[in-house]
């Protein structure tokens, strides 16, 4: 019987935890890929994405700015406001 690699299992666990926080599956997978499967960075990205989305900013602009600013909330907010 083949075993699933440990990395894959930890990826699935991280995705599952993020999905249980109410994030959409597509967004969770995208965030995990963008941050080389770092659950902590992906979770912060998803939290800020939802927060800025609620403020009325466009999702594609939010993603771009968060990547450029390395998930730094204040810098990202400044960039979004200036756009």
PDB file of N, CA and C in Angstrom:
ATOM      1  N   UNK A   1       0.833  -1.198   0.000  1.00  0.00           N
ATOM      2  CA  UNK A   1       0.000   0.000   0.000  1.00  0.00           C
ATOM      3  C   UNK A   1       0.878   1.263   0.000  1.00  0.00           C
ATOM      4  N   UNK A   2       0.518   2.208  -0.853  1.00  0.00           N
ATOM      5  CA  UNK A   2       1.321   3.436  -0.900  1.00  0.00           C
ATOM      6  C   UNK A   2       0.845   4.415   0.170  1.00  0.00           C
ATOM      7  N   UNK A   3       1.790   5.131   0.733  1.00  0.00           N
ATOM      8  CA  UNK A   3       1.475   6.119   1.767  1.00  0.00           C
ATOM      9  C   UNK A   3       1.442   7.500   1.127  1.00  0.00           C
ATOM     10  N   UNK A   4       0.549   8.317   1.604  1.00  0.00           N
ATOM     11  CA  UNK A   4       0.548   9.706   1.146  1.00  0.00           C
ATOM     12  C   UNK A   4       1.737  10.414   1.775  1.00  0.00           C
ATOM     13  N   UNK A   5       2.450  11.209   1.000  1.00  0.00           N
ATOM     14  CA  UNK A   5       3.576  11.944   1.593  1.00  0.00           C
ATOM     15  C   UNK A   5       3.098  12.842   2.745  1.00  0.00           C
ATOM     16  N   UNK A   6       3.944  12.959   3.727  1.00  0.00           N
ATOM     17  CA  UNK A   6       3.613  13.755   4.901  1.00  0.00           C
ATOM     18  C   UNK A   6       3.261  15.191   4.537  1.00  0.00           C
ATOM     19  N   UNK A   7       4.001  15.765   3.569  1.00  0.00           N
ATOM     20  CA  UNK A   7       3.729  17.141   3.147  1.00  0.00           C
ATOM     21  C   UNK A   7       2.306  17.284   2.631  1.00  0.00           C
ATOM     22  N   UNK A   8       1.858  16.321   1.874  1.00  0.00           N
ATOM     23  CA  UNK A   8       0.517  16.376   1.309  1.00  0.00           C
ATOM     24  C   UNK A   8      -0.524  16.308   2.418  1.00  0.00           C
ATOM     25  N   UNK A   9      -0.288  15.464   3.391  1.00  0.00           N
ATOM     26  CA  UNK A   9      -1.218  15.351   4.518  1.00  0.00           C
ATOM     27  C   UNK A   9      -1.273  16.655   5.312  1.00  0.00           C
ATOM     28  N   UNK A  10      -0.124  17.287   5.499  1.00  0.00           N
ATOM     29  CA  UNK A  10      -0.141  18.543   6.251  1.00  0.00           C
ATOM     30  C   UNK A  10      -0.825  19.641   5.434  1.00  0.00           C
ATOM     31  N   UNK A  11      -0.668  19.585   4.092  1.00  0.00           N
ATOM     32  CA  UNK A  11      -1.360  20.521   3.205  1.00  0.00           C
ATOM     33  C   UNK A  11      -2.880  20.343   3.333  1.00  0.00           C
ATOM     34  N   UNK A  12      -3.320  19.083   3.297  1.00  0.00           N
ATOM     35  CA  UNK A  12      -4.757  18.814   3.422  1.00  0.00           C
ATOM     36  C   UNK A  12      -5.295  19.286   4.773  1.00  0.00           C
ATOM     37  N   UNK A  13      -4.522  19.069   5.825  1.00  0.00           N
ATOM     38  CA  UNK A  13      -4.932  19.509   7.156  1.00  0.00           C
ATOM     39  C   UNK A  13      -5.052  21.017   7.223  1.00  0.00           C
ATOM     40  N   UNK A  14      -4.080  21.705   6.632  1.00  0.00           N
ATOM     41  CA  UNK A  14      -4.097  23.171   6.619  1.00  0.00           C
ATOM     42  C   UNK A  14      -5.310  23.678   5.839  1.00  0.00           C
ATOM     43  N   UNK A  15      -5.553  23.090   4.674  1.00  0.00           N
ATOM     44  CA  UNK A  15      -6.717  23.479   3.855  1.00  0.00           C
ATOM     45  C   UNK A  15      -8.012  23.256   4.627  1.00  0.00           C
ATOM     46  N   UNK A  16      -8.092  22.121   5.287  1.00  0.00           N
ATOM     47  CA  UNK A  16      -9.292  21.785   6.054  1.00  0.00           C
ATOM     48  C   UNK A  16      -9.541  22.812   7.159  1.00  0.00           C
ATOM     49  N   UNK A  17      -8.483  23.200   7.870  1.00  0.00           N
ATOM     50  CA  UNK A  17      -8.627  24.190   8.944  1.00  0.00           C
ATOM     51  C   UNK A  17      -9.090  25.539   8.388  1.00  0.00           C
ATOM     52  N   UNK A  18      -8.531  25.928   7.235  1.00  0.00           N
ATOM     53  CA  UNK A  18      -8.919  27.207   6.629  1.00  0.00           C
ATOM     54  C   UNK A  18     -10.355  27.153   6.105  1.00  0.00           C
ATOM     55  N   UNK A  19     -10.745  26.032   5.539  1.00  0.00           N
ATOM     56  CA  UNK A  19     -12.127  25.885   5.058  1.00  0.00           C
ATOM     57  C   UNK A  19     -13.111  25.970   6.221  1.00  0.00           C
ATOM     58  N   UNK A  20     -12.730  25.411   7.364  1.00  0.00           N
ATOM     59  CA  UNK A  20     -13.604  25.448   8.538  1.00  0.00           C
ATOM     60  C   UNK A  20     -13.764  26.871   9.082  1.00  0.00           C
ATOM     61  N   UNK A  21     -12.841  27.771   8.686  1.00  0.00           N
ATOM     62  CA  UNK A  21     -12.967  29.175   9.095  1.00  0.00           C
ATOM     63  C   UNK A  21     -13.907  29.931   8.159  1.00  0.00           C
ATOM     64  N   UNK A  22     -14.420  29.221   7.144  1.00  0.00           N
ATOM     65  CA  UNK A  22     -15.422  29.823   6.276  1.00  0.00           C
ATOM     66  C   UNK A  22     -14.906  30.354   4.950  1.00  0.00           C
ATOM     67  N   UNK A  23     -13.639  30.113   4.640  1.00  0.00           N
ATOM     68  CA  UNK A  23     -13.102  30.577   3.363  1.00  0.00           C
ATOM     69  C   UNK A  23     -13.491  29.605   2.252  1.00  0.00           C
ATOM     70  N   UNK A  24     -13.593  30.130   1.022  1.00  0.00           N
ATOM     71  CA  UNK A  24     -13.967  29.303  -0.126  1.00  0.00           C
ATOM     72  C   UNK A  24     -12.799  28.401  -0.530  1.00  0.00           C
ATOM     73  N   UNK A  25     -13.138  27.219  -1.018  1.00  0.00           N
ATOM     74  CA  UNK A  25     -12.119  26.223  -1.368  1.00  0.00           C
ATOM     75  C   UNK A  25     -11.113  26.761  -2.398  1.00  0.00           C
ATOM     76  N   UNK A  26     -11.605  27.398  -3.443  1.00  0.00           N
ATOM     77  CA  UNK A  26     -10.722  27.939  -4.478  1.00  0.00           C
ATOM     78  C   UNK A  26      -9.748  28.962  -3.923  1.00  0.00           C
ATOM     79  N   UNK A  27     -10.248  29.816  -3.034  1.00  0.00           N
ATOM     80  CA  UNK A  27      -9.386  30.839  -2.430  1.00  0.00           C
ATOM     81  C   UNK A  27      -8.348  30.209  -1.511  1.00  0.00           C
ATOM     82  N   UNK A  28      -8.748  29.206  -0.774  1.00  0.00           N
ATOM     83  CA  UNK A  28      -7.824  28.517   0.134  1.00  0.00           C
ATOM     84  C   UNK A  28      -6.688  27.879  -0.668  1.00  0.00           C
ATOM     85  N   UNK A  29      -7.041  27.158  -1.732  1.00  0.00           N
ATOM     86  CA  UNK A  29      -6.022  26.495  -2.554  1.00  0.00           C
ATOM     87  C   UNK A  29      -5.089  27.521  -3.192  1.00  0.00           C
ATOM     88  N   UNK A  30      -5.654  28.607  -3.706  1.00  0.00           N
ATOM     89  CA  UNK A  30      -4.843  29.658  -4.330  1.00  0.00           C
ATOM     90  C   UNK A  30      -3.884  30.287  -3.314  1.00  0.00           C
ATOM     91  N   UNK A  31      -4.403  30.596  -2.134  1.00  0.00           N
ATOM     92  CA  UNK A  31      -3.570  31.219  -1.096  1.00  0.00           C
ATOM     93  C   UNK A  31      -2.445  30.282  -0.658  1.00  0.00           C
ATOM     94  N   UNK A  32      -2.760  28.997  -0.509  1.00  0.00           N
ATOM     95  CA  UNK A  32      -1.740  28.035  -0.098  1.00  0.00           C
ATOM     96  C   UNK A  32      -0.633  27.944  -1.150  1.00  0.00           C
ATOM     97  N   UNK A  33      -1.002  27.980  -2.425  1.00  0.00           N
ATOM     98  CA  UNK A  33       0.002  27.933  -3.486  1.00  0.00           C
ATOM     99  C   UNK A  33       0.829  29.210  -3.515  1.00  0.00           C
ATOM    100  N   UNK A  34       0.164  30.350  -3.364  1.00  0.00           N
ATOM    101  CA  UNK A  34       0.859  31.635  -3.430  1.00  0.00           C
ATOM    102  C   UNK A  34       1.925  31.759  -2.343  1.00  0.00           C
ATOM    103  N   UNK A  35       1.673  31.164  -1.206  1.00  0.00           N
ATOM    104  CA  UNK A  35       2.598  31.286  -0.077  1.00  0.00           C
ATOM    105  C   UNK A  35       3.334  29.991   0.212  1.00  0.00           C
ATOM    106  N   UNK A  36       3.649  29.237  -0.845  1.00  0.00           N
ATOM    107  CA  UNK A  36       4.394  27.984  -0.737  1.00  0.00           C
ATOM    108  C   UNK A  36       3.902  27.100   0.411  1.00  0.00           C
ATOM    109  N   UNK A  37       2.603  26.981   0.511  1.00  0.00           N
ATOM    110  CA  UNK A  37       1.953  26.083   1.452  1.00  0.00           C
ATOM    111  C   UNK A  37       2.188  26.442   2.917  1.00  0.00           C
ATOM    112  N   UNK A  38       2.431  27.730   3.176  1.00  0.00           N
ATOM    113  CA  UNK A  38       2.527  28.195   4.557  1.00  0.00           C
ATOM    114  C   UNK A  38       1.113  28.515   5.049  1.00  0.00           C
ATOM    115  N   UNK A  39       0.626  27.698   5.968  1.00  0.00           N
ATOM    116  CA  UNK A  39      -0.738  27.902   6.480  1.00  0.00           C
ATOM    117  C   UNK A  39      -0.873  29.271   7.150  1.00  0.00           C
ATOM    118  N   UNK A  40       0.149  29.657   7.879  1.00  0.00           N
ATOM    119  CA  UNK A  40       0.097  30.937   8.605  1.00  0.00           C
ATOM    120  C   UNK A  40      -0.041  32.115   7.632  1.00  0.00           C
ATOM    121  N   UNK A  41       0.789  32.136   6.594  1.00  0.00           N
ATOM    122  CA  UNK A  41       0.742  33.233   5.619  1.00  0.00           C
ATOM    123  C   UNK A  41      -0.548  33.197   4.814  1.00  0.00           C
ATOM    124  N   UNK A  42      -0.986  31.998   4.443  1.00  0.00           N
ATOM    125  CA  UNK A  42      -2.235  31.868   3.681  1.00  0.00           C
ATOM    126  C   UNK A  42      -3.421  32.350   4.515  1.00  0.00           C
ATOM    127  N   UNK A  43      -3.427  32.002   5.795  1.00  0.00           N
ATOM    128  CA  UNK A  43      -4.524  32.416   6.678  1.00  0.00           C
ATOM    129  C   UNK A  43      -4.566  33.931   6.818  1.00  0.00           C
ATOM    130  N   UNK A  44      -3.405  34.552   6.968  1.00  0.00           N
ATOM    131  CA  UNK A  44      -3.335  36.010   7.087  1.00  0.00           C
ATOM    132  C   UNK A  44      -3.812  36.665   5.789  1.00  0.00           C
ATOM    133  N   UNK A  45      -3.376  36.117   4.648  1.00  0.00           N
ATOM    134  CA  UNK A  45      -3.799  36.634   3.346  1.00  0.00           C
ATOM    135  C   UNK A  45      -5.321  36.561   3.212  1.00  0.00           C
ATOM    136  N   UNK A  46      -5.908  35.413   3.553  1.00  0.00           N
ATOM    137  CA  UNK A  46      -7.351  35.233   3.424  1.00  0.00           C
ATOM    138  C   UNK A  46      -8.113  36.163   4.364  1.00  0.00           C
ATOM    139  N   UNK A  47      -7.574  36.367   5.559  1.00  0.00           N
ATOM    140  CA  UNK A  47      -8.211  37.262   6.536  1.00  0.00           C
ATOM    141  C   UNK A  47      -8.229  38.694   6.001  1.00  0.00           C
ATOM    142  N   UNK A  48      -7.077  39.143   5.491  1.00  0.00           N
ATOM    143  CA  UNK A  48      -6.986  40.504   4.961  1.00  0.00           C
ATOM    144  C   UNK A  48      -7.806  40.654   3.680  1.00  0.00           C
ATOM    145  N   UNK A  49      -7.813  39.632   2.853  1.00  0.00           N
ATOM    146  CA  UNK A  49      -8.600  39.659   1.621  1.00  0.00           C
ATOM    147  C   UNK A  49     -10.079  39.881   1.959  1.00  0.00           C
ATOM    148  N   UNK A  50     -10.580  39.137   2.930  1.00  0.00           N
ATOM    149  CA  UNK A  50     -11.983  39.268   3.340  1.00  0.00           C
ATOM    150  C   UNK A  50     -12.238  40.652   3.936  1.00  0.00           C
ATOM    151  N   UNK A  51     -11.306  41.114   4.746  1.00  0.00           N
ATOM    152  CA  UNK A  51     -11.441  42.419   5.393  1.00  0.00           C
ATOM    153  C   UNK A  51     -11.506  43.556   4.367  1.00  0.00           C
ATOM    154  N   UNK A  52     -10.575  43.559   3.422  1.00  0.00           N
ATOM    155  CA  UNK A  52     -10.543  44.610   2.402  1.00  0.00           C
ATOM    156  C   UNK A  52     -11.712  44.470   1.430  1.00  0.00           C
ATOM    157  N   UNK A  53     -12.135  43.250   1.192  1.00  0.00           N
ATOM    158  CA  UNK A  53     -13.301  43.001   0.348  1.00  0.00           C
ATOM    159  C   UNK A  53     -14.541  43.638   0.983  1.00  0.00           C
ATOM    160  N   UNK A  54     -14.675  43.476   2.296  1.00  0.00           N
ATOM    161  CA  UNK A  54     -15.798  44.069   3.031  1.00  0.00           C
ATOM    162  C   UNK A  54     -15.762  45.595   2.978  1.00  0.00           C
ATOM    163  N   UNK A  55     -14.579  46.163   2.795  1.00  0.00           N
ATOM    164  CA  UNK A  55     -14.436  47.620   2.691  1.00  0.00           C
ATOM    165  C   UNK A  55     -14.804  48.118   1.290  1.00  0.00           C
ATOM    166  N   UNK A  56     -15.025  47.169   0.366  1.00  0.00           N
ATOM    167  CA  UNK A  56     -15.460  47.550  -0.972  1.00  0.00           C
ATOM    168  C   UNK A  56     -14.378  47.577  -2.037  1.00  0.00           C
ATOM    169  N   UNK A  57     -13.175  47.127  -1.701  1.00  0.00           N
ATOM    170  CA  UNK A  57     -12.101  47.085  -2.703  1.00  0.00           C
ATOM    171  C   UNK A  57     -12.301  45.884  -3.619  1.00  0.00           C
ATOM    172  N   UNK A  58     -11.752  45.968  -4.839  1.00  0.00           N
ATOM    173  CA  UNK A  58     -11.856  44.889  -5.824  1.00  0.00           C
ATOM    174  C   UNK A  58     -10.902  43.746  -5.445  1.00  0.00           C
ATOM    175  N   UNK A  59     -11.406  42.523  -5.560  1.00  0.00           N
ATOM    176  CA  UNK A  59     -10.631  41.362  -5.129  1.00  0.00           C
ATOM    177  C   UNK A  59      -9.302  41.215  -5.869  1.00  0.00           C
ATOM    178  N   UNK A  60      -9.290  41.455  -7.187  1.00  0.00           N
ATOM    179  CA  UNK A  60      -8.032  41.295  -7.925  1.00  0.00           C
ATOM    180  C   UNK A  60      -7.001  42.341  -7.491  1.00  0.00           C
ATOM    181  N   UNK A  61      -7.460  43.557  -7.177  1.00  0.00           N
ATOM    182  CA  UNK A  61      -6.539  44.594  -6.682  1.00  0.00           C
ATOM    183  C   UNK A  61      -6.025  44.234  -5.293  1.00  0.00           C
ATOM    184  N   UNK A  62      -6.890  43.717  -4.461  1.00  0.00           N
ATOM    185  CA  UNK A  62      -6.497  43.325  -3.098  1.00  0.00           C
ATOM    186  C   UNK A  62      -5.400  42.267  -3.154  1.00  0.00           C
ATOM    187  N   UNK A  63      -5.608  41.234  -3.977  1.00  0.00           N
ATOM    188  CA  UNK A  63      -4.625  40.149  -4.088  1.00  0.00           C
ATOM    189  C   UNK A  63      -3.270  40.697  -4.515  1.00  0.00           C
ATOM    190  N   UNK A  64      -3.291  41.534  -5.543  1.00  0.00           N
ATOM    191  CA  UNK A  64      -2.050  42.110  -6.074  1.00  0.00           C
ATOM    192  C   UNK A  64      -1.307  42.903  -4.994  1.00  0.00           C
ATOM    193  N   UNK A  65      -2.030  43.761  -4.301  1.00  0.00           N
ATOM    194  CA  UNK A  65      -1.431  44.622  -3.274  1.00  0.00           C
ATOM    195  C   UNK A  65      -0.917  43.797  -2.091  1.00  0.00           C
ATOM    196  N   UNK A  66      -1.676  42.808  -1.665  1.00  0.00           N
ATOM    197  CA  UNK A  66      -1.233  41.975  -0.539  1.00  0.00           C
ATOM    198  C   UNK A  66       0.049  41.222  -0.885  1.00  0.00           C
ATOM    199  N   UNK A  67       0.152  40.751  -2.117  1.00  0.00           N
ATOM    200  CA  UNK A  67       1.380  40.064  -2.535  1.00  0.00           C
ATOM    201  C   UNK A  67       2.549  41.036  -2.555  1.00  0.00           C
ATOM    202  N   UNK A  68       2.337  42.221  -3.099  1.00  0.00           N
ATOM    203  CA  UNK A  68       3.403  43.228  -3.166  1.00  0.00           C
ATOM    204  C   UNK A  68       3.855  43.670  -1.778  1.00  0.00           C
ATOM    205  N   UNK A  69       2.909  43.776  -0.873  1.00  0.00           N
ATOM    206  CA  UNK A  69       3.204  44.281   0.475  1.00  0.00           C
ATOM    207  C   UNK A  69       3.497  43.160   1.475  1.00  0.00           C
ATOM    208  N   UNK A  70       3.527  41.948   1.018  1.00  0.00           N
ATOM    209  CA  UNK A  70       3.826  40.835   1.916  1.00  0.00           C
ATOM    210  C   UNK A  70       2.854  40.710   3.071  1.00  0.00           C
ATOM    211  N   UNK A  71       1.560  40.898   2.785  1.00  0.00           N
ATOM    212  CA  UNK A  71       0.504  40.782   3.805  1.00  0.00           C
ATOM    213  C   UNK A  71       0.601  41.825   4.919  1.00  0.00           C
ATOM    214  N   UNK A  72       1.289  42.916   4.670  1.00  0.00           N
ATOM    215  CA  UNK A  72       1.357  43.968   5.694  1.00  0.00           C
ATOM    216  C   UNK A  72       0.120  44.840   5.564  1.00  0.00           C
ATOM    217  N   UNK A  73      -0.756  44.737   6.547  1.00  0.00           N
ATOM    218  CA  UNK A  73      -2.076  45.356   6.480  1.00  0.00           C
ATOM    219  C   UNK A  73      -2.030  46.858   6.193  1.00  0.00           C
ATOM    220  N   UNK A  74      -1.259  47.594   6.972  1.00  0.00           N
ATOM    221  CA  UNK A  74      -1.240  49.055   6.829  1.00  0.00           C
ATOM    222  C   UNK A  74      -0.721  49.484   5.458  1.00  0.00           C
ATOM    223  N   UNK A  75       0.376  48.874   5.020  1.00  0.00           N
ATOM    224  CA  UNK A  75       0.937  49.205   3.699  1.00  0.00           C
ATOM    225  C   UNK A  75      -0.047  48.859   2.595  1.00  0.00           C
ATOM    226  N   UNK A  76      -0.683  47.706   2.711  1.00  0.00           N
ATOM    227  CA  UNK A  76      -1.646  47.277   1.695  1.00  0.00           C
ATOM    228  C   UNK A  76      -2.831  48.232   1.642  1.00  0.00           C
ATOM    229  N   UNK A  77      -3.304  48.634   2.803  1.00  0.00           N
ATOM    230  CA  UNK A  77      -4.447  49.568   2.852  1.00  0.00           C
ATOM    231  C   UNK A  77      -4.084  50.895   2.197  1.00  0.00           C
ATOM    232  N   UNK A  78      -2.887  51.400   2.487  1.00  0.00           N
ATOM    233  CA  UNK A  78      -2.423  52.654   1.853  1.00  0.00           C
ATOM    234  C   UNK A  78      -2.419  52.515   0.340  1.00  0.00           C
ATOM    235  N   UNK A  79      -1.876  51.400  -0.160  1.00  0.00           N
ATOM    236  CA  UNK A  79      -1.805  51.157  -1.602  1.00  0.00           C
ATOM    237  C   UNK A  79      -3.200  51.101  -2.219  1.00  0.00           C
ATOM    238  N   UNK A  80      -4.105  50.427  -1.552  1.00  0.00           N
ATOM    239  CA  UNK A  80      -5.465  50.298  -2.082  1.00  0.00           C
ATOM    240  C   UNK A  80      -6.170  51.645  -2.127  1.00  0.00           C
ATOM    241  N   UNK A  81      -5.986  52.440  -1.098  1.00  0.00           N
ATOM    242  CA  UNK A  81      -6.626  53.755  -1.038  1.00  0.00           C
ATOM    243  C   UNK A  81      -6.080  54.668  -2.124  1.00  0.00           C
ATOM    244  N   UNK A  82      -4.787  54.531  -2.433  1.00  0.00           N
ATOM    245  CA  UNK A  82      -4.159  55.389  -3.451  1.00  0.00           C
ATOM    246  C   UNK A  82      -4.564  54.999  -4.870  1.00  0.00           C
ATOM    247  N   UNK A  83      -5.038  53.762  -5.078  1.00  0.00           N
ATOM    248  CA  UNK A  83      -5.402  53.296  -6.443  1.00  0.00           C
ATOM    249  C   UNK A  83      -6.622  54.029  -6.965  1.00  0.00           C
TER     250      UNK A  83
END
